[in-house]
Amino acid sequence: MEGLVQFAVLEARNLLVYDIGGSSDPYYTLEHNKQIIKGTRRERTLNPVWSEEHTFKSSPSEKMTVHLYDWDKLSKDDYMGYVVIPPEKLNSEDLHIEWFDIQKSEDPRNHGQIRLAWKCSHDKKDPSQCRPMLQPLKQGYLMRKTFTLHSWRQCWVMVNDYFLMWKKNETGPILDYVSLRNSVLSKYQEKDRKYCFKIIHPSLNTRNLFLQASSGEDMESWIQMITVGITGKSNPSWRIQGHLEIKVIEAKNLLPSDRNGLSDPYAVLMVEREAKKTFTIRNNLNPIWNECFTLSVSNVTADLHIMVFDEDFGLFLKNDYIGRATFPVNKFKNLQNVDVWVPLQNVKDTSKSAGEIHLVISYTLDKYVDAELKTKLFGISLDIIVERENSGLPVPTLVRNAIEYITQNGLETEGLFRISGNMNDLEQYRITLDKGAAFDLKMEKNVHTVAGLLKLYIRELPEPAFTYELYDEFLQALLSLESKKDLSAMKVALAKLPPANYALLKELFLFLNLVSRYSEKNKMTVSNLAIVFTPNVLRASSVGDTNLMNLMKENKVVSVLIESSHKFFSSEKPEKL
């Protein structure tokens, strides 16, 4: 039955970097029933928010395809990946709001996720008959109680899970936010103003908010959305955990990149999805910047990436990569004004120095984070989880339980680990586990959901199980294995892993070997399993190290360890050789 499909592209997260400077300029296109619509471009972001809704004439047999591109001014736009929604799912009259993994043919990397919403109306033929299905962004008036003058300010306000945020305009950066957890929402009267309501935070009076909607219907819609955030029915993937304040003072002894023996250096700081750039100093190997930046941190075990480039001012010239450094943000937990010289690694020759950069770093966690870490599971270091659980197992309980469940119920399931589980169920499991609540996977009936939960946990570790430090060593061990049939180099690299990482890889790879033995029924050969798991367990710390040759090597390392797992993991962790 034909009708109309209302389709919204809400946001994306963790997109890959396609531009120099550690960012991208993403936009999307939608294809359905011979109709193509192009979305708005979002500049310099890896986590774009669109909140754009479109209406299509539907067809029962037509799929919806979402393509993502990175816009380039002087060259062809880069293709970032796609998502396909099959006709049987698209033609449901229920409202769907889901995260989808972005796919890209012959590229096994994690390309990020995109959040989509849709609803099909078979009884409507005219788009004017359809009411907007989602209103994540609303233009209204907001007054902070802490304003000296109690003036109302027009702005764009967005409800996102546990937070209410506001902007000066629809596409501008977030100016401020307030937590909705444990808040109270109520209507009230404000002199001559109608449709007013307020959000009261019980423990922090200065965070009380007063808002005004444009109509009674608008206000009820607001209240419905905000109530979801207060009751905690959904979980934010990017909730602000703390703030990192960095002063980039200077650098010294940088590598020359230009013909005159000098460089035109600038620095880029990146934490998760956010990047900051200094201005460029011309013809200098010892630049002085004295610039201050603030970066939001949503994962307390995230890494700070520092990259220094040489800017080339020719029209078609590409900026040169001088050096980089990476270290965990948590190293500076609750420390203020840490004065440090950071050595930069030479990108072309990792054994040599590319100079040093001088930083002053302060990192402050939000008040609720320390308490939350006592139960949080996802995104926390393996050794912390194993020590905290004190279960006697060498791996987190979730890993052991998921493997046992799949071994008993799903080894012959076609598409195991390749087919995504129910995203809503996965999100609910994440919320439950991060709160430290008891759970029983035996009650779960969908094998793909349990497999997806195991993948999700491994993917969200603060660093890959093979570690960034040993990345190059594992690739070199592969060369020794292929050229000399020598297993010792790979065993030496495995022996250098932290105990918790080794235990996880041992448990995982012995299990994946078992899965591969049922490949006639589950269609998951060693090669297919490697394509799925390689981006989650073995990857470079820097985007600059990611190229097609390295991706092939990474995939081969994982394939070898799955296929010959009993040779490499047959006993307890070996002593370092």
Protein backbone atom coordinates (compact mmCIF):
# COMPACT_ATOMS: atom_id res chain seq x y z
CA MET A 1 0.00 0.00 0.00
CA GLU A 2 1.39 3.36 -1.01
CA GLY A 3 1.38 6.39 1.23
CA LEU A 4 3.92 8.74 2.78
CA VAL A 5 7.12 8.08 4.70
CA GLN A 6 8.26 10.72 7.19
CA PHE A 7 12.00 10.31 7.61
CA ALA A 8 14.33 12.27 9.92
CA VAL A 9 18.12 12.34 10.02
CA LEU A 10 18.86 13.30 13.62
CA GLU A 11 22.59 13.07 14.27
CA ALA A 12 25.75 11.03 13.78
CA ARG A 13 28.62 10.20 16.10
CA ASN A 14 32.23 9.04 15.92
CA LEU A 15 32.60 9.67 12.18
CA LEU A 16 36.04 9.16 10.66
CA VAL A 17 38.38 12.08 10.05
CA TYR A 18 38.67 13.01 6.36
CA ASP A 19 40.14 16.51 6.56
CA ILE A 20 43.48 17.86 7.72
CA GLY A 21 43.03 19.26 11.19
CA GLY A 22 41.28 16.20 12.60
CA SER A 23 37.71 16.80 11.45
CA SER A 24 35.22 16.44 8.57
CA ASP A 25 32.41 18.43 6.90
CA PRO A 26 29.64 15.81 6.69
CA TYR A 27 26.38 15.92 4.78
CA TYR A 28 23.94 13.21 3.71
CA THR A 29 21.70 12.20 0.83
CA LEU A 30 18.52 10.12 1.02
CA GLU A 31 17.38 7.81 -1.78
CA HIS A 32 13.92 6.25 -1.85
CA ASN A 33 11.49 5.36 -4.63
CA LYS A 34 13.50 7.27 -7.28
CA GLN A 35 13.57 10.36 -5.06
CA ILE A 36 16.85 11.89 -3.89
CA ILE A 37 17.16 14.55 -1.18
CA LYS A 38 20.39 16.23 -0.06
CA GLY A 39 20.82 17.31 3.57
CA THR A 40 22.57 20.30 5.08
CA ARG A 41 26.35 20.33 5.45
CA ARG A 42 27.75 20.52 8.98
CA GLU A 43 31.24 22.00 9.14
CA ARG A 44 34.25 20.76 11.11
CA THR A 45 32.58 18.09 13.22
CA LEU A 46 32.71 14.33 13.71
CA ASN A 47 29.41 14.35 15.61
CA PRO A 48 27.01 16.39 13.49
CA VAL A 49 23.47 17.20 14.60
CA TRP A 50 20.97 17.72 11.76
CA SER A 51 17.47 17.11 13.17
CA GLU A 52 16.12 17.45 9.61
CA GLU A 53 12.84 15.83 8.56
CA HIS A 54 11.79 14.87 5.01
CA THR A 55 8.66 13.34 3.47
CA PHE A 56 8.70 10.78 0.64
CA LYS A 57 6.06 9.02 -1.40
CA SER A 58 6.42 5.47 -0.20
CA SER A 59 6.52 2.19 -2.06
CA PRO A 60 6.12 -1.19 -0.33
CA SER A 61 9.05 -2.66 -2.28
CA GLU A 62 11.55 0.23 -2.04
CA LYS A 63 14.32 0.53 0.55
CA MET A 64 15.67 3.77 2.03
CA THR A 65 19.39 4.40 1.54
CA VAL A 66 21.29 7.04 3.48
CA HIS A 67 24.68 8.06 2.05
CA LEU A 68 27.21 10.16 3.96
CA TYR A 69 29.84 12.40 2.35
CA ASP A 70 32.62 14.72 3.50
CA TRP A 71 32.46 18.01 1.60
CA ASP A 72 35.70 19.28 0.04
CA LYS A 73 36.06 22.72 -1.51
CA LEU A 74 38.78 21.98 -4.06
CA SER A 75 38.41 18.28 -4.74
CA LYS A 76 35.80 15.56 -5.06
CA ASP A 77 33.77 14.96 -1.91
CA ASP A 78 34.88 11.91 0.11
CA TYR A 79 32.42 9.04 0.52
CA MET A 80 31.98 8.25 4.24
CA GLY A 81 29.59 5.29 4.07
CA TYR A 82 25.95 4.27 3.92
CA VAL A 83 23.00 2.79 5.82
CA VAL A 84 20.18 0.79 4.25
CA ILE A 85 16.72 0.35 5.78
CA PRO A 86 14.87 -2.55 4.13
CA PRO A 87 11.27 -2.09 2.88
CA GLU A 88 9.70 -4.36 5.47
CA LYS A 89 11.15 -2.24 8.27
CA LEU A 90 10.60 1.10 6.57
CA ASN A 91 6.87 0.56 5.97
CA SER A 92 5.93 0.20 9.63
CA GLU A 93 3.34 2.70 10.89
CA ASP A 94 5.05 2.77 14.31
CA LEU A 95 7.54 5.53 15.08
CA HIS A 96 11.12 4.16 14.95
CA ILE A 97 14.15 5.94 16.42
CA GLU A 98 17.34 3.90 16.06
CA TRP A 99 21.13 4.13 15.84
CA PHE A 100 22.66 2.39 12.82
CA ASP A 101 26.26 1.38 12.15
CA ILE A 102 27.59 3.13 9.05
CA GLN A 103 28.89 0.65 6.48
CA LYS A 104 31.46 1.06 3.73
CA SER A 105 32.24 -1.65 1.18
CA GLU A 106 35.63 -3.36 1.53
CA ASP A 107 36.56 -1.14 4.48
CA PRO A 108 36.25 -2.99 7.84
CA ARG A 109 36.87 0.05 10.03
CA ASN A 110 34.29 1.44 12.44
CA HIS A 111 32.79 4.32 10.43
CA GLY A 112 30.62 5.64 13.25
CA GLN A 113 26.88 5.58 13.73
CA ILE A 114 23.92 7.61 12.54
CA ARG A 115 20.60 8.11 14.34
CA LEU A 116 17.49 7.96 12.16
CA ALA A 117 13.75 8.20 12.77
CA TRP A 118 10.85 7.31 10.50
CA LYS A 119 7.14 6.61 10.35
CA CYS A 120 4.97 5.45 7.46
CA SER A 121 1.42 6.77 6.96
CA HIS A 122 -0.46 4.59 4.48
CA ASP A 123 -3.66 6.66 4.74
CA LYS A 124 -2.09 10.01 3.75
CA LYS A 125 -1.28 11.23 0.25
CA ASP A 126 -0.48 14.91 0.87
CA PRO A 127 2.59 15.91 2.96
CA SER A 128 0.59 18.80 4.43
CA GLN A 129 -1.57 16.22 6.22
CA CYS A 130 1.43 14.99 8.25
CA ARG A 131 2.29 16.55 11.58
CA PRO A 132 6.05 16.80 12.35
CA MET A 133 6.98 13.51 13.92
CA LEU A 134 9.92 14.81 15.99
CA GLN A 135 10.78 18.16 17.49
CA PRO A 136 14.27 17.75 18.95
CA LEU A 137 15.06 21.44 18.33
CA LYS A 138 12.69 24.22 19.34
CA GLN A 139 12.99 27.95 19.20
CA GLY A 140 11.78 29.48 22.44
CA TYR A 141 12.68 31.72 25.32
CA LEU A 142 14.88 30.81 28.26
CA MET A 143 15.86 32.63 31.45
CA ARG A 144 18.65 31.55 33.76
CA LYS A 145 17.94 32.29 37.39
CA THR A 146 21.56 33.36 37.80
CA PHE A 147 21.23 36.22 35.30
CA THR A 148 21.78 39.58 36.95
CA LEU A 149 18.91 40.92 34.86
CA HIS A 150 16.03 38.48 34.67
CA SER A 151 15.67 38.95 30.92
CA TRP A 152 14.25 36.35 28.57
CA ARG A 153 16.56 35.33 25.77
CA GLN A 154 15.46 33.80 22.52
CA CYS A 155 17.49 30.74 21.61
CA TRP A 156 17.37 27.23 20.21
CA VAL A 157 16.92 24.62 22.93
CA MET A 158 17.47 20.90 22.49
CA VAL A 159 16.56 17.94 24.68
CA ASN A 160 19.15 15.17 24.41
CA ASP A 161 18.57 12.30 26.83
CA TYR A 162 19.70 13.52 30.27
CA PHE A 163 20.55 17.05 29.21
CA LEU A 164 18.84 20.22 28.14
CA MET A 165 21.11 22.39 25.99
CA TRP A 166 20.74 25.74 24.31
CA LYS A 167 22.30 27.57 21.38
CA LYS A 168 22.13 31.08 19.92
CA ASN A 169 20.98 29.62 16.63
CA GLU A 170 19.97 26.28 15.19
CA THR A 171 23.38 25.20 13.88
CA GLY A 172 25.65 27.01 16.34
CA PRO A 173 27.74 25.37 19.08
CA ILE A 174 26.22 24.36 22.40
CA LEU A 175 26.51 27.30 24.79
CA ASP A 176 25.48 25.62 28.01
CA TYR A 177 23.61 22.60 29.34
CA VAL A 178 21.86 21.40 32.47
CA SER A 179 21.47 17.86 33.77
CA LEU A 180 17.87 16.64 33.92
CA ARG A 181 18.62 13.78 36.30
CA ASN A 182 16.67 14.05 39.59
CA SER A 183 15.12 17.31 38.42
CA VAL A 184 11.49 18.36 38.86
CA LEU A 185 9.42 19.78 36.00
CA SER A 186 6.37 21.97 36.63
CA LYS A 187 4.19 24.61 34.98
CA TYR A 188 3.91 28.10 36.43
CA GLN A 189 2.64 31.60 35.69
CA GLU A 190 5.00 34.46 34.74
CA LYS A 191 3.03 37.74 34.82
CA ASP A 192 1.70 38.30 31.29
CA ARG A 193 3.54 35.35 29.77
CA LYS A 194 1.69 32.15 28.86
CA TYR A 195 2.87 28.58 28.46
CA CYS A 196 5.73 28.85 30.98
CA PHE A 197 7.33 25.91 32.75
CA LYS A 198 10.40 25.42 34.93
CA ILE A 199 12.99 22.77 35.69
CA ILE A 200 14.14 22.64 39.31
CA HIS A 201 17.32 20.84 40.25
CA PRO A 202 17.09 19.89 43.96
CA SER A 203 20.80 20.02 44.80
CA LEU A 204 21.92 23.04 42.82
CA ASN A 205 19.60 26.04 42.86
CA THR A 206 21.66 28.04 40.39
CA ARG A 207 20.83 25.45 37.72
CA ASN A 208 17.08 26.11 37.85
CA LEU A 209 15.71 26.98 34.42
CA PHE A 210 12.65 28.93 33.36
CA LEU A 211 11.30 28.39 29.84
CA GLN A 212 8.45 29.60 27.69
CA ALA A 213 6.87 27.74 24.77
CA SER A 214 5.09 29.33 21.84
CA SER A 215 1.78 27.50 22.36
CA GLY A 216 0.01 25.09 24.68
CA GLU A 217 0.60 22.20 22.27
CA ASP A 218 4.25 23.20 22.02
CA MET A 219 4.56 23.22 25.81
CA GLU A 220 3.04 19.74 26.15
CA SER A 221 5.50 18.45 23.56
CA TRP A 222 8.36 20.02 25.50
CA ILE A 223 7.18 18.48 28.74
CA GLN A 224 6.91 15.04 27.16
CA MET A 225 10.49 15.19 25.82
CA ILE A 226 11.98 16.58 29.02
CA THR A 227 10.21 13.93 31.11
CA VAL A 228 12.07 11.25 29.15
CA GLY A 229 15.35 12.87 30.21
CA ILE A 230 14.31 13.19 33.85
CA THR A 231 13.12 9.59 34.14
CA GLY A 232 16.26 8.27 32.45
CA LYS A 233 14.51 6.15 29.84
CA SER A 234 17.32 6.76 27.40
CA ASN A 235 21.05 7.03 27.83
CA PRO A 236 23.33 9.72 26.35
CA SER A 237 26.36 8.43 24.50
CA TRP A 238 28.17 11.74 24.76
CA ARG A 239 27.19 13.08 28.22
CA ILE A 240 29.69 15.62 29.49
CA GLN A 241 31.88 14.05 32.20
CA GLY A 242 34.36 16.87 32.73
CA HIS A 243 36.37 19.63 31.12
CA LEU A 244 39.98 19.76 30.01
CA GLU A 245 41.58 23.19 29.95
CA ILE A 246 44.82 23.35 27.96
CA LYS A 247 47.17 26.24 27.34
CA VAL A 248 49.39 25.64 24.32
CA ILE A 249 52.44 27.72 25.10
CA GLU A 250 55.19 26.86 22.62
CA ALA A 251 57.12 24.15 20.80
CA LYS A 252 60.82 23.64 20.19
CA ASN A 253 63.10 21.74 17.84
CA LEU A 254 60.33 20.92 15.36
CA LEU A 255 61.26 19.12 12.17
CA PRO A 256 61.71 21.34 9.09
CA SER A 257 59.16 20.62 6.36
CA ASP A 258 59.78 23.40 3.83
CA ARG A 259 62.58 23.90 1.33
CA ASN A 260 63.98 26.83 3.31
CA GLY A 261 64.75 24.51 6.24
CA LEU A 262 61.85 25.88 8.32
CA SER A 263 58.16 25.12 8.87
CA ASP A 264 54.84 26.96 9.28
CA PRO A 265 53.57 25.04 12.32
CA TYR A 266 50.16 24.89 13.97
CA ALA A 267 48.91 22.48 16.63
CA VAL A 268 45.67 20.50 16.86
CA LEU A 269 44.27 19.16 20.14
CA MET A 270 41.62 16.44 19.94
CA VAL A 271 39.60 14.62 22.60
CA GLU A 272 36.97 12.22 21.25
CA ARG A 273 34.79 14.20 18.82
CA GLU A 274 36.10 17.69 19.61
CA ALA A 275 39.17 19.33 18.06
CA LYS A 276 40.83 22.72 18.61
CA LYS A 277 43.44 24.39 16.39
CA THR A 278 46.05 27.06 17.12
CA PHE A 279 46.96 29.76 14.65
CA THR A 280 49.91 29.24 12.30
CA ILE A 281 53.39 30.65 12.99
CA ARG A 282 55.26 31.36 9.75
CA ASN A 283 58.87 30.21 9.14
CA ASN A 284 59.63 28.92 12.62
CA LEU A 285 60.86 25.71 14.28
CA ASN A 286 60.34 27.09 17.81
CA PRO A 287 56.87 28.69 17.65
CA ILE A 288 55.23 30.51 20.56
CA TRP A 289 51.40 30.36 20.61
CA ASN A 290 50.17 31.09 24.17
CA GLU A 291 46.62 30.02 23.28
CA CYS A 292 44.03 28.57 25.70
CA PHE A 293 41.40 25.95 24.85
CA THR A 294 38.62 24.10 26.70
CA LEU A 295 37.55 20.62 25.56
CA SER A 296 34.59 18.65 26.88
CA VAL A 297 35.21 15.04 27.91
CA SER A 298 32.40 12.49 27.73
CA ASN A 299 34.51 9.41 28.48
CA VAL A 300 36.77 9.62 31.51
CA THR A 301 39.15 7.10 29.96
CA ALA A 302 39.46 9.01 26.67
CA ASP A 303 42.81 9.97 25.13
CA LEU A 304 44.16 13.43 24.38
CA HIS A 305 45.68 13.57 20.88
CA ILE A 306 48.21 16.30 20.11
CA MET A 307 49.17 16.79 16.46
CA VAL A 308 51.49 19.37 14.92
CA PHE A 309 51.27 20.19 11.21
CA ASP A 310 53.17 22.36 8.77
CA GLU A 311 50.75 24.53 6.82
CA ASP A 312 51.37 24.80 3.09
CA PHE A 313 49.84 27.88 1.52
CA GLY A 314 49.77 26.75 -2.11
CA LEU A 315 46.34 26.25 -3.60
CA PHE A 316 46.68 22.49 -4.16
CA LEU A 317 49.32 21.69 -1.53
CA LYS A 318 48.56 19.39 1.37
CA ASN A 319 49.66 20.30 4.90
CA ASP A 320 52.55 18.18 6.21
CA TYR A 321 52.26 16.08 9.36
CA ILE A 322 55.21 16.96 11.66
CA GLY A 323 54.61 14.97 14.85
CA ARG A 324 52.09 13.65 17.34
CA ALA A 325 51.61 12.51 20.92
CA THR A 326 48.81 10.61 22.68
CA PHE A 327 48.15 10.01 26.36
CA PRO A 328 45.10 9.30 28.57
CA VAL A 329 43.11 12.26 29.85
CA ASN A 330 42.70 10.48 33.18
CA LYS A 331 46.41 11.02 33.82
CA PHE A 332 45.43 14.57 34.83
CA LYS A 333 42.31 13.68 36.82
CA ASN A 334 41.49 16.52 39.25
CA LEU A 335 44.91 18.08 38.71
CA GLN A 336 45.29 21.78 38.02
CA ASN A 337 47.91 23.70 36.03
CA VAL A 338 50.17 20.75 35.24
CA ASP A 339 53.15 22.21 33.38
CA VAL A 340 54.57 19.63 30.97
CA TRP A 341 56.80 19.33 27.90
CA VAL A 342 55.38 16.60 25.66
CA PRO A 343 57.74 14.84 23.22
CA LEU A 344 56.35 14.55 19.69
CA GLN A 345 56.73 11.30 17.80
CA ASN A 346 58.14 11.51 14.31
CA VAL A 347 55.40 10.36 11.94
CA LYS A 348 57.78 9.07 9.23
CA ASP A 349 60.28 7.46 11.57
CA THR A 350 58.76 6.54 14.94
CA SER A 351 62.20 5.91 16.47
CA LYS A 352 63.12 9.59 16.10
CA SER A 353 61.85 12.73 17.80
CA ALA A 354 59.89 15.43 15.99
CA GLY A 355 60.41 18.02 18.73
CA GLU A 356 58.52 18.95 21.90
CA ILE A 357 55.42 20.96 22.73
CA HIS A 358 54.86 22.88 25.98
CA LEU A 359 51.40 22.62 27.59
CA VAL A 360 49.71 23.61 30.85
CA ILE A 361 46.81 21.22 31.56
CA SER A 362 43.94 21.27 34.05
CA TYR A 363 41.24 18.61 34.19
CA THR A 364 38.11 18.79 36.35
CA LEU A 365 35.52 16.02 36.60
CA ASP A 366 31.85 16.85 37.09
CA LYS A 367 30.64 16.06 40.60
CA TYR A 368 28.63 12.95 39.74
CA VAL A 369 31.34 11.18 37.75
CA ASP A 370 33.49 9.78 40.58
CA ALA A 371 30.47 8.09 42.15
CA GLU A 372 29.33 6.77 38.79
CA LEU A 373 32.71 5.14 38.10
CA LYS A 374 32.11 2.77 41.01
CA THR A 375 29.56 0.90 38.89
CA LYS A 376 30.24 1.97 35.27
CA LEU A 377 31.26 -0.91 33.00
CA PHE A 378 31.46 0.38 29.42
CA GLY A 379 34.47 2.50 28.51
CA ILE A 380 36.47 1.56 31.64
CA SER A 381 39.92 -0.07 31.55
CA LEU A 382 40.00 -3.86 31.71
CA ASP A 383 42.27 -4.05 34.74
CA ILE A 384 39.97 -1.71 36.71
CA ILE A 385 36.90 -3.85 35.93
CA VAL A 386 38.60 -7.17 36.77
CA GLU A 387 39.93 -5.80 40.06
CA ARG A 388 36.60 -4.18 40.98
CA GLU A 389 34.50 -7.28 40.25
CA ASN A 390 36.88 -9.55 42.19
CA SER A 391 35.01 -12.56 40.74
CA GLY A 392 38.00 -14.84 40.38
CA LEU A 393 37.70 -14.60 36.60
CA PRO A 394 40.59 -13.18 34.54
CA VAL A 395 38.07 -11.30 32.34
CA PRO A 396 34.99 -9.17 33.05
CA THR A 397 31.92 -11.20 33.98
CA LEU A 398 30.00 -9.85 31.01
CA VAL A 399 32.56 -11.30 28.58
CA ARG A 400 32.45 -14.76 30.16
CA ASN A 401 28.65 -14.81 30.38
CA ALA A 402 28.18 -13.65 26.78
CA ILE A 403 30.62 -16.28 25.45
CA GLU A 404 28.93 -19.05 27.47
CA TYR A 405 25.48 -17.95 26.25
CA ILE A 406 26.49 -17.93 22.57
CA THR A 407 28.34 -21.25 22.94
CA GLN A 408 25.19 -22.88 24.31
CA ASN A 409 22.60 -21.16 22.10
CA GLY A 410 24.05 -19.58 19.00
CA LEU A 411 27.04 -21.27 17.37
CA GLU A 412 24.93 -22.28 14.37
CA THR A 413 23.12 -18.94 14.05
CA GLU A 414 23.63 -17.53 10.56
CA GLY A 415 25.33 -14.14 10.49
CA LEU A 416 26.55 -14.38 14.09
CA PHE A 417 28.39 -11.10 14.97
CA ARG A 418 27.69 -9.76 11.47
CA ILE A 419 23.96 -9.10 11.93
CA SER A 420 23.29 -6.30 14.42
CA GLY A 421 21.14 -6.98 17.45
CA ASN A 422 18.21 -4.83 18.54
CA MET A 423 19.68 -1.37 19.19
CA ASN A 424 17.06 -0.47 21.81
CA ASP A 425 17.74 -3.67 23.75
CA LEU A 426 21.51 -3.07 23.56
CA GLU A 427 21.07 0.46 24.90
CA GLN A 428 18.92 -0.84 27.76
CA TYR A 429 21.55 -3.47 28.62
CA ARG A 430 24.21 -0.76 28.64
CA ILE A 431 22.18 1.39 31.06
CA THR A 432 21.53 -1.57 33.37
CA LEU A 433 25.15 -2.71 33.40
CA ASP A 434 26.57 0.79 33.91
CA LYS A 435 24.35 1.18 36.98
CA GLY A 436 25.80 -2.02 38.44
CA ALA A 437 22.38 -3.71 38.44
CA ALA A 438 22.09 -7.49 38.37
CA PHE A 439 21.31 -9.05 35.01
CA ASP A 440 20.82 -12.51 33.54
CA LEU A 441 21.64 -13.05 29.88
CA LYS A 442 19.92 -16.42 30.00
CA MET A 443 16.58 -14.60 29.77
CA GLU A 444 17.57 -13.04 26.44
CA LYS A 445 16.07 -14.83 23.42
CA ASN A 446 17.92 -12.99 20.63
CA VAL A 447 21.42 -14.38 20.05
CA HIS A 448 22.34 -11.39 17.87
CA THR A 449 21.61 -9.01 20.78
CA VAL A 450 24.03 -10.88 23.08
CA ALA A 451 26.65 -11.00 20.31
CA GLY A 452 26.14 -7.27 19.75
CA LEU A 453 26.55 -6.61 23.47
CA LEU A 454 29.91 -8.42 23.48
CA LYS A 455 31.07 -6.44 20.42
CA LEU A 456 29.86 -3.18 21.97
CA TYR A 457 31.77 -3.79 25.20
CA ILE A 458 35.01 -4.62 23.38
CA ARG A 459 34.63 -1.68 20.95
CA GLU A 460 34.15 0.83 23.77
CA LEU A 461 37.23 -0.11 25.75
CA PRO A 462 39.34 3.03 26.28
CA GLU A 463 41.99 1.56 24.01
CA PRO A 464 42.02 -1.56 21.82
CA ALA A 465 42.83 -4.84 23.51
CA PHE A 466 46.12 -5.10 21.56
CA THR A 467 47.02 -1.60 22.92
CA TYR A 468 48.28 1.37 20.94
CA GLU A 469 51.79 0.92 22.31
CA LEU A 470 52.23 -2.55 20.78
CA TYR A 471 50.43 -1.82 17.49
CA ASP A 472 53.60 -1.56 15.39
CA GLU A 473 55.12 -4.62 17.05
CA PHE A 474 52.16 -6.81 16.10
CA LEU A 475 52.38 -5.68 12.47
CA GLN A 476 56.12 -6.43 12.45
CA ALA A 477 55.45 -9.84 14.03
CA LEU A 478 53.12 -10.61 11.13
CA LEU A 479 55.97 -9.99 8.66
CA SER A 480 58.20 -12.41 10.57
CA LEU A 481 55.42 -14.97 10.64
CA GLU A 482 54.76 -14.74 6.89
CA SER A 483 58.39 -14.62 5.73
CA LYS A 484 60.04 -17.03 8.15
CA LYS A 485 57.08 -19.04 9.48
CA ASP A 486 58.39 -17.98 12.89
CA LEU A 487 55.81 -17.82 15.71
CA SER A 488 58.19 -16.40 18.30
CA ALA A 489 57.84 -12.72 17.34
CA MET A 490 54.06 -12.89 17.72
CA LYS A 491 54.40 -14.71 21.04
CA VAL A 492 56.84 -12.06 22.27
CA ALA A 493 54.37 -9.31 21.37
CA LEU A 494 51.53 -11.14 23.14
CA ALA A 495 53.71 -11.61 26.23
CA LYS A 496 54.13 -7.83 26.48
CA LEU A 497 50.39 -7.23 26.81
CA PRO A 498 48.96 -6.25 30.22
CA PRO A 499 47.59 -9.37 31.98
CA ALA A 500 43.94 -8.31 31.67
CA ASN A 501 44.33 -7.61 27.94
CA TYR A 502 46.03 -10.95 27.32
CA ALA A 503 43.28 -12.77 29.25
CA LEU A 504 40.55 -11.06 27.23
CA LEU A 505 42.22 -11.84 23.89
CA LYS A 506 42.81 -15.44 24.91
CA GLU A 507 39.16 -15.92 25.90
CA LEU A 508 37.92 -14.13 22.80
CA PHE A 509 40.14 -15.77 20.17
CA LEU A 510 39.70 -19.32 21.46
CA PHE A 511 35.95 -18.69 21.31
CA LEU A 512 36.10 -17.19 17.79
CA ASN A 513 38.05 -20.22 16.64
CA LEU A 514 35.16 -22.34 17.90
CA VAL A 515 32.67 -20.12 16.06
CA SER A 516 34.62 -20.51 12.81
CA ARG A 517 34.32 -24.30 13.03
CA TYR A 518 30.55 -23.94 12.54
CA SER A 519 30.98 -21.71 9.48
CA GLU A 520 29.03 -24.04 7.18
CA LYS A 521 25.92 -23.09 9.13
CA ASN A 522 26.67 -19.67 10.62
CA LYS A 523 28.53 -18.42 7.48
CA MET A 524 31.20 -16.84 9.70
CA THR A 525 34.57 -18.00 8.46
CA VAL A 526 37.86 -16.90 10.00
CA SER A 527 38.07 -14.15 7.39
CA ASN A 528 34.54 -12.89 8.12
CA LEU A 529 35.15 -12.89 11.88
CA ALA A 530 38.39 -10.95 11.38
CA ILE A 531 36.59 -8.29 9.33
CA VAL A 532 34.07 -7.81 12.16
CA PHE A 533 36.48 -7.80 15.11
CA THR A 534 39.68 -6.21 13.78
CA PRO A 535 38.49 -2.57 14.09
CA ASN A 536 37.47 -3.28 17.69
CA VAL A 537 40.67 -4.93 18.95
CA LEU A 538 43.57 -3.71 16.76
CA ARG A 539 43.93 -0.18 15.38
CA ALA A 540 46.42 2.67 15.31
CA SER A 541 46.23 5.51 17.83
CA SER A 542 46.47 8.13 15.11
CA VAL A 543 44.43 8.64 11.98
CA GLY A 544 47.71 9.29 10.19
CA ASP A 545 48.70 5.64 10.62
CA THR A 546 45.50 4.39 9.02
CA ASN A 547 46.07 3.38 5.40
CA LEU A 548 44.94 0.51 3.22
CA MET A 549 48.17 -1.45 3.66
CA ASN A 550 48.00 -1.25 7.46
CA LEU A 551 44.31 -2.18 7.44
CA MET A 552 45.17 -5.34 5.50
CA LYS A 553 47.95 -6.16 7.97
CA GLU A 554 45.66 -5.59 10.95
CA ASN A 555 43.07 -7.91 9.46
CA LYS A 556 45.72 -10.55 8.76
CA VAL A 557 47.04 -10.44 12.36
CA VAL A 558 43.56 -11.08 13.72
CA SER A 559 42.90 -13.83 11.14
CA VAL A 560 46.12 -15.63 12.08
CA LEU A 561 45.37 -15.45 15.80
CA ILE A 562 41.83 -16.77 15.32
CA GLU A 563 42.87 -19.60 13.04
CA SER A 564 45.88 -20.63 15.20
CA SER A 565 44.53 -19.57 18.58
CA HIS A 566 45.49 -22.83 20.25
CA LYS A 567 49.13 -22.29 19.26
CA PHE A 568 49.28 -18.78 20.71
CA PHE A 569 46.88 -19.04 23.68
CA SER A 570 47.17 -22.68 24.71
CA SER A 571 48.54 -21.93 28.19
CA GLU A 572 48.67 -19.20 30.77
CA LYS A 573 50.20 -15.87 29.82
CA PRO A 574 53.88 -16.52 29.05
CA GLU A 575 56.67 -14.72 30.78
CA LYS A 576 58.16 -11.81 28.84
CA LEU A 577 61.00 -13.07 26.69
